[in-house]
């Protein structure tokens, strides 16, 4: 048999995971670590630039092994045959979680993944499925798992996505159908995000309540950054020397793309530059805890005489998005300033905003 491999290269996914890929006998193989070569090279356990140093090391290791005659088919076949016959659903959940946690995700996503793995563990015990094999997880049992997780259709809708993400790579590795993708659930009702009616008055009230929350809201509205991760973690070195723009690498924002965001004058007025490596709020290299602004907002909201019931900290971002769209009418520009990964995300976002995209002139005439 004539073996052939080609197009060996490294890659970086949208979620910042890296790996190597190549074609062997017209079939593509992708690896995120060198474990299959019995080598402890796991680039996704590191941050930049160490991640890419390890990635280059892994690429070289695969190149050398392939040139020496190593082939992926037998290694993968033997590994899968052994595991697929023995692995139980409860062990699959634990194994999948461990694999997922080797990659750096947001704390909220990690929380959801851990919750999903915990639900699988409880499900196999309470539902007497302790001996259920991973390969036996069909659409019927997947539905049972969702109902066990929650009776709420909204929660089931969310966890269908989380279970699919948690176990997805294992389904793909073992060449099994992903039953969660075939489950049709009732579509969630869309929630209309409420903008801030009087931004100036609200910001003035917040300024009197707390300086940090005021600056956070200013940047959320003026720069359209996300408050709990992007803004909370800002350092003075992220700002240009003249404070005219903020630069964020792809690893520090949800869209996973490098962002350069202009800083309006009304925001700059409240920024007093400190040491380059210091967080702009805490005054030292370490930022405040993840719930810092969430707690401040909750306390402020109880005292506010201006805020409406459905206003949140993100309402400043929604209001800023409406302002940009109404000024420019340019979806591509709005996508760029919002930091969305695709234009489809921006369109979905607009549907959730209280923004008029049709006028009377667009409607039918008689």
Protein backbone atom coordinates (compact mmCIF):
# COMPACT_ATOMS: atom_id res chain seq x y z
CA UNK A 1 0.00 0.00 0.00
CA UNK A 2 1.36 3.42 -0.96
CA UNK A 3 1.14 5.79 1.97
CA UNK A 4 1.03 9.50 1.37
CA UNK A 5 0.87 12.43 3.75
CA UNK A 6 0.96 16.12 2.84
CA UNK A 7 -0.03 19.63 3.92
CA UNK A 8 1.44 19.27 7.40
CA UNK A 9 0.86 22.61 9.14
CA UNK A 10 -0.14 24.29 12.38
CA UNK A 11 -3.45 26.10 12.86
CA UNK A 12 -5.23 28.37 15.33
CA UNK A 13 -8.99 28.13 15.87
CA UNK A 14 -11.44 30.96 16.60
CA UNK A 15 -11.57 29.85 20.26
CA UNK A 16 -7.73 30.33 20.38
CA UNK A 17 -6.99 26.58 20.51
CA UNK A 18 -3.99 25.57 18.41
CA UNK A 19 -2.93 22.32 16.85
CA UNK A 20 -1.42 20.63 13.78
CA UNK A 21 -3.14 19.04 10.81
CA UNK A 22 -2.15 17.01 7.77
CA UNK A 23 -3.67 14.78 5.12
CA UNK A 24 -2.90 11.08 5.02
CA UNK A 25 -4.35 9.00 2.18
CA UNK A 26 -6.73 11.88 1.40
CA UNK A 27 -8.06 12.02 4.94
CA UNK A 28 -7.38 14.98 7.22
CA UNK A 29 -6.06 14.43 10.76
CA UNK A 30 -5.97 17.06 13.47
CA UNK A 31 -4.14 16.88 16.79
CA UNK A 32 -4.12 19.33 19.69
CA UNK A 33 -1.30 17.63 21.59
CA UNK A 34 1.44 15.09 20.93
CA UNK A 35 -0.03 12.54 23.34
CA UNK A 36 -0.62 10.07 20.51
CA UNK A 37 3.17 10.08 19.95
CA UNK A 38 3.70 9.38 23.66
CA UNK A 39 5.16 12.89 24.03
CA UNK A 40 4.13 15.42 26.66
CA UNK A 41 3.71 18.41 24.36
CA UNK A 42 0.45 20.26 25.07
CA UNK A 43 0.57 23.83 23.67
CA UNK A 44 -3.00 24.66 24.73
CA UNK A 45 -1.99 24.52 28.37
CA UNK A 46 0.15 27.63 27.87
CA UNK A 47 -0.50 31.30 27.11
CA UNK A 48 1.17 33.28 24.35
CA UNK A 49 4.02 33.31 23.43
CA UNK A 50 4.86 29.98 25.11
CA UNK A 51 1.83 28.40 23.42
CA UNK A 52 3.29 28.97 19.94
CA UNK A 53 6.76 27.82 21.00
CA UNK A 54 5.18 24.51 22.10
CA UNK A 55 3.13 24.42 18.90
CA UNK A 56 6.31 24.66 16.79
CA UNK A 57 7.83 21.91 18.93
CA UNK A 58 4.78 19.71 18.33
CA UNK A 59 4.84 20.38 14.58
CA UNK A 60 8.51 19.31 14.43
CA UNK A 61 7.76 16.17 16.45
CA UNK A 62 4.99 15.08 14.07
CA UNK A 63 7.13 15.86 11.04
CA UNK A 64 10.00 13.73 12.36
CA UNK A 65 7.70 10.82 13.26
CA UNK A 66 5.95 10.86 9.90
CA UNK A 67 9.27 10.92 8.06
CA UNK A 68 10.44 7.93 10.16
CA UNK A 69 7.39 5.92 9.05
CA UNK A 70 4.87 6.54 11.85
CA UNK A 71 1.29 6.57 10.56
CA UNK A 72 -1.83 7.82 12.38
CA UNK A 73 -4.30 5.13 11.33
CA UNK A 74 -3.11 2.22 13.48
CA UNK A 75 -2.47 4.40 16.53
CA UNK A 76 -5.93 5.95 16.37
CA UNK A 77 -7.65 2.66 15.54
CA UNK A 78 -6.12 0.79 18.47
CA UNK A 79 -6.74 3.65 20.90
CA UNK A 80 -10.38 3.98 19.87
CA UNK A 81 -11.07 0.25 19.81
CA UNK A 82 -9.84 -0.19 23.37
CA UNK A 83 -11.67 2.80 24.81
CA UNK A 84 -14.96 2.64 22.92
CA UNK A 85 -15.65 -0.86 24.18
CA UNK A 86 -15.09 0.01 27.82
CA UNK A 87 -15.77 3.67 28.45
CA UNK A 88 -18.92 4.43 30.41
CA UNK A 89 -20.95 7.63 30.11
CA UNK A 90 -19.92 8.84 33.56
CA UNK A 91 -16.23 8.35 32.72
CA UNK A 92 -16.71 9.98 29.32
CA UNK A 93 -18.08 13.10 31.00
CA UNK A 94 -15.09 13.29 33.34
CA UNK A 95 -12.63 12.64 30.53
CA UNK A 96 -14.25 15.24 28.27
CA UNK A 97 -14.20 17.83 31.06
CA UNK A 98 -10.52 17.23 31.74
CA UNK A 99 -9.77 17.67 28.06
CA UNK A 100 -11.81 20.89 27.88
CA UNK A 101 -10.18 22.38 30.96
CA UNK A 102 -6.76 21.98 29.36
CA UNK A 103 -7.72 24.99 27.23
CA UNK A 104 -8.09 28.50 28.65
CA UNK A 105 -11.78 29.45 28.54
CA UNK A 106 -13.77 32.15 30.35
CA UNK A 107 -14.73 31.42 33.96
CA UNK A 108 -18.42 31.41 33.00
CA UNK A 109 -17.92 28.81 30.26
CA UNK A 110 -15.79 26.67 32.59
CA UNK A 111 -18.55 26.92 35.20
CA UNK A 112 -21.12 25.65 32.67
CA UNK A 113 -18.87 22.79 31.56
CA UNK A 114 -18.35 21.68 35.16
CA UNK A 115 -22.09 21.89 35.81
CA UNK A 116 -22.78 19.72 32.73
CA UNK A 117 -20.23 17.10 33.82
CA UNK A 118 -21.73 17.09 37.32
CA UNK A 119 -25.23 16.59 35.89
CA UNK A 120 -24.02 13.61 33.84
CA UNK A 121 -22.49 12.12 36.98
CA UNK A 122 -25.75 12.55 38.93
CA UNK A 123 -27.84 11.31 36.01
CA UNK A 124 -26.10 7.94 35.72
CA UNK A 125 -26.48 7.37 39.46
CA UNK A 126 -30.06 8.49 39.99
CA UNK A 127 -31.40 7.18 36.70
CA UNK A 128 -29.67 3.84 37.24
CA UNK A 129 -27.57 4.27 34.12
CA UNK A 130 -24.26 3.56 35.87
CA UNK A 131 -23.43 0.86 33.33
CA UNK A 132 -24.53 2.95 30.34
CA UNK A 133 -21.74 3.06 27.78
CA UNK A 134 -20.83 6.28 26.03
CA UNK A 135 -21.54 4.62 22.68
CA UNK A 136 -25.11 3.89 23.89
CA UNK A 137 -25.98 7.57 24.45
CA UNK A 138 -28.64 7.91 21.79
CA UNK A 139 -31.21 10.67 21.21
CA UNK A 140 -33.72 9.11 23.65
CA UNK A 141 -31.25 9.01 26.52
CA UNK A 142 -29.92 12.45 25.59
CA UNK A 143 -33.47 13.81 25.94
CA UNK A 144 -33.75 12.11 29.34
CA UNK A 145 -30.50 13.79 30.39
CA UNK A 146 -31.86 17.20 29.38
CA UNK A 147 -35.11 16.64 31.27
CA UNK A 148 -33.11 15.46 34.28
CA UNK A 149 -31.00 18.63 34.12
CA UNK A 150 -34.04 20.93 34.29
CA UNK A 151 -37.75 21.16 33.52
CA UNK A 152 -37.22 24.68 32.17
CA UNK A 153 -37.24 24.83 28.37
CA UNK A 154 -34.79 27.75 28.47
CA UNK A 155 -32.30 25.83 30.62
CA UNK A 156 -32.69 22.71 28.44
CA UNK A 157 -32.02 24.80 25.35
CA UNK A 158 -28.80 26.15 26.88
CA UNK A 159 -27.61 22.78 28.19
CA UNK A 160 -28.26 21.07 24.88
CA UNK A 161 -25.52 23.35 23.51
CA UNK A 162 -23.25 22.81 26.53
CA UNK A 163 -23.55 18.99 26.46
CA UNK A 164 -22.88 19.02 22.72
CA UNK A 165 -19.77 21.15 23.23
CA UNK A 166 -18.53 19.10 26.19
CA UNK A 167 -18.85 15.71 24.48
CA UNK A 168 -18.48 16.84 20.87
CA UNK A 169 -14.82 15.97 20.41
CA UNK A 170 -15.36 12.49 21.86
CA UNK A 171 -18.25 11.84 19.49
CA UNK A 172 -16.01 12.95 16.64
CA UNK A 173 -13.02 10.90 17.82
CA UNK A 174 -15.07 7.72 18.17
CA UNK A 175 -16.96 8.49 14.96
CA UNK A 176 -20.31 8.44 16.76
CA UNK A 177 -23.31 10.64 15.93
CA UNK A 178 -23.84 13.55 18.30
CA UNK A 179 -27.45 12.98 19.54
CA UNK A 180 -27.77 16.51 20.98
CA UNK A 181 -27.54 18.00 17.49
CA UNK A 182 -30.63 16.01 16.46
CA UNK A 183 -32.80 17.13 19.38
CA UNK A 184 -35.33 19.81 18.49
CA UNK A 185 -36.42 21.98 21.40
CA UNK A 186 -38.89 24.79 21.63
CA UNK A 187 -37.24 28.01 20.54
CA UNK A 188 -36.51 30.44 23.33
CA UNK A 189 -38.48 33.67 23.43
CA UNK A 190 -36.31 36.59 22.43
CA UNK A 191 -35.51 39.10 25.14
CA UNK A 192 -35.58 42.78 24.16
CA UNK A 193 -32.52 44.52 25.59
CA UNK A 194 -33.51 47.86 27.09
CA UNK A 195 -31.24 50.83 26.30
CA UNK A 196 -30.55 53.67 28.73
CA UNK A 197 -33.02 56.47 28.03
CA UNK A 198 -30.98 59.34 29.50
CA UNK A 199 -27.31 58.39 29.37
CA UNK A 200 -25.95 61.69 30.71
CA UNK A 201 -28.25 61.76 33.73
CA UNK A 202 -27.60 58.12 34.52
CA UNK A 203 -23.83 58.54 34.28
CA UNK A 204 -24.06 61.60 36.52
CA UNK A 205 -25.95 59.60 39.13
CA UNK A 206 -23.43 56.75 38.93
CA UNK A 207 -20.54 59.21 39.28
CA UNK A 208 -21.95 60.32 42.62
CA UNK A 209 -22.30 56.69 43.72
CA UNK A 210 -18.92 55.12 42.78
CA UNK A 211 -15.96 56.33 40.74
CA UNK A 212 -14.90 52.88 39.42
CA UNK A 213 -18.43 51.98 38.32
CA UNK A 214 -18.69 55.37 36.61
CA UNK A 215 -15.50 54.81 34.60
CA UNK A 216 -16.62 51.27 33.73
CA UNK A 217 -19.97 52.54 32.43
CA UNK A 218 -18.25 55.32 30.46
CA UNK A 219 -15.97 52.83 28.68
CA UNK A 220 -18.83 50.36 28.17
CA UNK A 221 -20.88 53.06 26.46
CA UNK A 222 -18.12 55.07 24.75
CA UNK A 223 -15.84 52.20 23.64
CA UNK A 224 -18.42 49.37 23.59
CA UNK A 225 -16.12 47.01 25.49
CA UNK A 226 -17.59 44.27 27.67
CA UNK A 227 -17.48 45.28 31.35
CA UNK A 228 -16.80 42.09 33.30
CA UNK A 229 -13.81 40.78 31.36
CA UNK A 230 -12.49 43.31 28.86
CA UNK A 231 -12.88 46.46 30.96
CA UNK A 232 -12.22 44.96 34.40
CA UNK A 233 -8.86 43.60 33.18
CA UNK A 234 -7.68 46.79 31.44
CA UNK A 235 -4.16 47.99 32.18
CA UNK A 236 -2.70 51.38 31.35
CA UNK A 237 -0.39 49.75 28.81
CA UNK A 238 -3.50 48.83 26.80
CA UNK A 239 -4.01 52.54 26.07
CA UNK A 240 -2.09 54.52 23.47
CA UNK A 241 0.39 57.09 24.80
CA UNK A 242 -2.10 59.87 24.08
CA UNK A 243 -5.02 57.76 25.42
CA UNK A 244 -6.72 57.99 22.01
CA UNK A 245 -7.33 54.27 21.59
CA UNK A 246 -7.29 50.91 23.39
CA UNK A 247 -5.56 47.83 21.95
CA UNK A 248 -6.70 44.34 22.98
CA UNK A 249 -5.25 41.06 21.71
CA UNK A 250 -7.53 38.25 20.57
CA UNK A 251 -6.88 36.29 23.77
CA UNK A 252 -8.47 39.06 25.82
CA UNK A 253 -11.84 39.48 24.15
CA UNK A 254 -14.80 37.28 23.33
CA UNK A 255 -14.50 37.66 19.54
CA UNK A 256 -10.92 36.24 19.66
CA UNK A 257 -9.72 38.95 17.26
CA UNK A 258 -7.28 41.77 17.88
CA UNK A 259 -9.20 44.97 18.57
CA UNK A 260 -8.23 48.63 18.38
CA UNK A 261 -10.98 50.79 19.86
CA UNK A 262 -11.05 54.62 19.77
CA UNK A 263 -11.49 56.34 23.15
CA UNK A 264 -13.87 59.32 22.95
CA UNK A 265 -12.88 62.61 24.62
CA UNK A 266 -15.67 62.35 27.20
CA UNK A 267 -14.11 59.08 28.41
CA UNK A 268 -10.52 60.37 28.44
CA UNK A 269 -11.50 63.21 30.78
CA UNK A 270 -11.97 60.68 33.60
CA UNK A 271 -8.82 58.63 33.01
CA UNK A 272 -5.72 59.44 35.06
CA UNK A 273 -2.88 57.38 33.67
CA UNK A 274 -0.91 55.27 36.14
CA UNK A 275 1.95 52.75 35.94
CA UNK A 276 1.95 50.84 32.65
CA UNK A 277 1.51 47.35 34.16
CA UNK A 278 -1.12 48.37 36.69
CA UNK A 279 -4.82 47.66 36.36
CA UNK A 280 -6.72 50.92 35.79
CA UNK A 281 -9.09 50.21 38.70
CA UNK A 282 -7.09 48.34 41.35
CA UNK A 283 -3.89 50.37 40.90
CA UNK A 284 -1.72 47.24 40.92
CA UNK A 285 -1.01 44.43 38.39
CA UNK A 286 -3.89 42.26 39.67
CA UNK A 287 -7.47 43.19 38.71
CA UNK A 288 -10.40 43.09 41.11
CA UNK A 289 -12.40 39.85 41.39
CA UNK A 290 -14.75 38.73 38.62
CA UNK A 291 -17.90 39.90 40.44
CA UNK A 292 -16.55 43.36 41.27
CA UNK A 293 -18.70 45.36 38.86
CA UNK A 294 -21.64 42.98 39.17
CA UNK A 295 -21.73 43.67 42.92
CA UNK A 296 -21.31 47.43 42.50
CA UNK A 297 -24.10 47.52 39.92
CA UNK A 298 -26.50 45.51 42.08
CA UNK A 299 -25.95 47.86 45.01
CA UNK A 300 -26.22 50.97 42.88
CA UNK A 301 -29.42 49.79 41.23
CA UNK A 302 -31.14 49.54 44.62
CA UNK A 303 -30.45 53.25 45.25
CA UNK A 304 -31.05 54.59 41.73
CA UNK A 305 -33.99 56.85 40.96
CA UNK A 306 -33.37 56.75 37.19
CA UNK A 307 -32.81 53.14 36.16
CA UNK A 308 -35.66 51.10 34.73
CA UNK A 309 -36.42 47.52 35.73
CA UNK A 310 -34.69 45.85 32.77
CA UNK A 311 -31.61 48.09 32.66
CA UNK A 312 -28.32 46.27 33.26
CA UNK A 313 -24.66 47.21 33.10
CA UNK A 314 -24.69 45.88 29.53
CA UNK A 315 -27.44 48.38 28.67
CA UNK A 316 -24.68 50.98 28.19
CA UNK A 317 -23.13 48.74 25.52
CA UNK A 318 -26.54 48.25 23.90
CA UNK A 319 -27.16 52.00 23.93
CA UNK A 320 -23.73 52.67 22.42
CA UNK A 321 -24.41 50.12 19.68
CA UNK A 322 -27.70 51.84 18.79
CA UNK A 323 -25.91 55.19 18.66
CA UNK A 324 -23.20 53.87 16.33
CA UNK A 325 -25.71 52.15 14.02
CA UNK A 326 -28.00 55.17 13.81
CA UNK A 327 -25.02 57.45 13.04
CA UNK A 328 -23.39 55.23 10.42
CA UNK A 329 -26.03 52.78 9.18
CA UNK A 330 -23.01 50.53 8.51
CA UNK A 331 -23.27 46.94 9.76
CA UNK A 332 -19.62 46.18 9.00
CA UNK A 333 -18.50 49.16 11.06
CA UNK A 334 -20.83 48.15 13.89
CA UNK A 335 -19.40 44.61 13.80
CA UNK A 336 -15.89 46.02 14.08
CA UNK A 337 -16.62 48.33 17.00
CA UNK A 338 -18.62 45.63 18.86
CA UNK A 339 -15.83 43.10 18.41
CA UNK A 340 -18.16 40.45 16.98
CA UNK A 341 -16.53 37.45 15.28
CA UNK A 342 -18.96 37.49 12.31
CA UNK A 343 -21.56 39.76 10.74
CA UNK A 344 -24.19 37.14 11.60
CA UNK A 345 -23.51 37.72 15.30
CA UNK A 346 -24.02 41.46 14.77
CA UNK A 347 -27.34 40.89 12.98
CA UNK A 348 -28.51 38.61 15.80
CA UNK A 349 -27.44 41.26 18.31
CA UNK A 350 -29.42 43.96 16.48
CA UNK A 351 -32.58 41.86 16.57
CA UNK A 352 -32.38 41.92 20.36
CA UNK A 353 -32.09 45.72 20.52
CA UNK A 354 -34.85 48.28 20.56
CA UNK A 355 -33.75 49.70 17.23
CA UNK A 356 -35.88 50.63 14.25
CA UNK A 357 -34.56 49.09 11.05
CA UNK A 358 -37.73 49.69 8.99
CA UNK A 359 -39.53 52.97 8.38
CA UNK A 360 -43.06 53.72 7.13
CA UNK A 361 -41.58 54.24 3.66
CA UNK A 362 -40.42 50.62 3.65
CA UNK A 363 -43.93 49.27 4.26
CA UNK A 364 -46.45 48.21 1.55
CA UNK A 365 -48.56 50.86 -0.18
CA UNK A 366 -52.10 50.59 -1.45
